[in-house]
C-alpha atoms as a PDB file:
ATOM      1  CA  MET A   1      47.225  97.035  56.108  1.00  0.00           C
ATOM      2  CA  LYS A   2      46.888 100.782  56.627  1.00  0.00           C
ATOM      3  CA  LYS A   3      49.878 103.080  56.310  1.00  0.00           C
ATOM      4  CA  LYS A   4      49.784 103.881  60.051  1.00  0.00           C
ATOM      5  CA  GLU A   5      49.789 100.174  60.966  1.00  0.00           C
ATOM      6  CA  LYS A   6      52.655  99.542  58.558  1.00  0.00           C
ATOM      7  CA  ILE A   7      54.714 102.362  60.096  1.00  0.00           C
ATOM      8  CA  ASN A   8      53.993 100.997  63.591  1.00  0.00           C
ATOM      9  CA  PHE A   9      55.084  97.509  62.517  1.00  0.00           C
ATOM     10  CA  TYR A  10      58.357  98.783  61.014  1.00  0.00           C
ATOM     11  CA  TYR A  11      58.937 100.890  64.123  1.00  0.00           C
ATOM     12  CA  LEU A  12      58.530  97.814  66.321  1.00  0.00           C
ATOM     13  CA  VAL A  13      60.936  95.796  64.155  1.00  0.00           C
ATOM     14  CA  PHE A  14      63.454  98.657  64.229  1.00  0.00           C
ATOM     15  CA  MET A  15      63.284  98.939  68.026  1.00  0.00           C
ATOM     16  CA  LEU A  16      63.712  95.184  68.434  1.00  0.00           C
ATOM     17  CA  LEU A  17      66.780  95.335  66.187  1.00  0.00           C
ATOM     18  CA  ILE A  18      68.304  98.097  68.312  1.00  0.00           C
ATOM     19  CA  LEU A  19      67.466  96.184  71.496  1.00  0.00           C
ATOM     20  CA  SER A  20      69.028  93.001  70.143  1.00  0.00           C
ATOM     21  CA  MET A  21      72.258  94.869  69.415  1.00  0.00           C
ATOM     22  CA  MET A  22      72.469  95.917  73.076  1.00  0.00           C
ATOM     23  CA  VAL A  23      71.955  92.527  74.763  1.00  0.00           C
ATOM     24  CA  PHE A  24      74.097  89.433  75.136  1.00  0.00           C
ATOM     25  CA  PRO A  25      74.425  87.556  71.852  1.00  0.00           C
ATOM     26  CA  MET A  26      74.941  90.592  69.628  1.00  0.00           C
ATOM     27  CA  PHE A  27      76.658  92.814  72.214  1.00  0.00           C
ATOM     28  CA  SER A  28      79.504  90.312  72.347  1.00  0.00           C
ATOM     29  CA  ILE A  29      80.536  91.634  68.911  1.00  0.00           C
ATOM     30  CA  GLY A  30      81.185  95.064  70.391  1.00  0.00           C
ATOM     31  CA  ASN A  31      82.271  93.988  73.863  1.00  0.00           C
ATOM     32  CA  LYS A  32      85.945  94.810  73.419  1.00  0.00           C
ATOM     33  CA  VAL A  33      88.292  97.266  75.061  1.00  0.00           C
ATOM     34  CA  GLU A  34      90.488  97.864  72.032  1.00  0.00           C
ATOM     35  CA  PRO A  35      90.580  99.689  69.665  1.00  0.00           C
ATOM     36  CA  PHE A  36      90.271 102.970  71.528  1.00  0.00           C
ATOM     37  CA  ILE A  37      88.281 105.534  69.575  1.00  0.00           C
ATOM     38  CA  ILE A  38      88.475 109.155  70.733  1.00  0.00           C
ATOM     39  CA  GLY A  39      90.010 107.835  73.953  1.00  0.00           C
ATOM     40  CA  MET A  40      87.046 105.580  74.737  1.00  0.00           C
ATOM     41  CA  PRO A  41      86.904 101.784  74.689  1.00  0.00           C
ATOM     42  CA  PHE A  42      85.166 100.164  71.743  1.00  0.00           C
ATOM     43  CA  SER A  43      82.288  98.902  73.901  1.00  0.00           C
ATOM     44  CA  ILE A  44      81.262 102.466  74.764  1.00  0.00           C
ATOM     45  CA  ILE A  45      81.514 103.487  71.101  1.00  0.00           C
ATOM     46  CA  TRP A  46      79.325 100.464  70.232  1.00  0.00           C
ATOM     47  CA  VAL A  47      76.584 101.674  72.600  1.00  0.00           C
ATOM     48  CA  LEU A  48      76.881 105.301  71.451  1.00  0.00           C
ATOM     49  CA  PHE A  49      76.676 104.226  67.803  1.00  0.00           C
ATOM     50  CA  TRP A  50      73.418 102.348  68.355  1.00  0.00           C
ATOM     51  CA  ILE A  51      71.959 105.245  70.356  1.00  0.00           C
ATOM     52  CA  ILE A  52      72.723 107.577  67.426  1.00  0.00           C
ATOM     53  CA  VAL A  53      71.225 105.076  64.956  1.00  0.00           C
ATOM     54  CA  GLN A  54      68.110 104.884  67.132  1.00  0.00           C
ATOM     55  CA  PHE A  55      67.820 108.692  67.261  1.00  0.00           C
ATOM     56  CA  ILE A  56      68.103 108.999  63.468  1.00  0.00           C
ATOM     57  CA  GLY A  57      65.587 106.185  63.038  1.00  0.00           C
ATOM     58  CA  LEU A  58      63.141 107.930  65.360  1.00  0.00           C
ATOM     59  CA  LEU A  59      63.466 111.124  63.335  1.00  0.00           C
ATOM     60  CA  VAL A  60      62.685 109.178  60.170  1.00  0.00           C
ATOM     61  CA  PHE A  61      59.637 107.490  61.723  1.00  0.00           C
ATOM     62  CA  VAL A  62      58.309 110.799  63.090  1.00  0.00           C
ATOM     63  CA  THR A  63      58.720 112.366  59.643  1.00  0.00           C
ATOM     64  CA  PHE A  64      56.803 109.528  57.978  1.00  0.00           C
ATOM     65  CA  ASP A  65      54.130 109.662  60.680  1.00  0.00           C
ATOM     66  CA  LYS A  66      53.584 113.431  60.251  1.00  0.00           C
ATOM     67  CA  GLU A  67      52.850 113.009  56.535  1.00  0.00           C
ATOM     68  CA  ASP A  68      49.361 111.671  57.293  1.00  0.00           C
END
């Protein structure tokens, strides 16, 4: 398996992980109103957290992809 194919595979797995955290079975973990964090319900913080994780992950994948 080439390095580019390996990066693409890990990228796909990473995106599926993020997607799974935003849909029904896993989202029920974060689907709560309390505790309030910075005045926002926990469910909004849950979504924002995974968006930030996705952004950082994309930066990492772009960095690895540019090394070729």
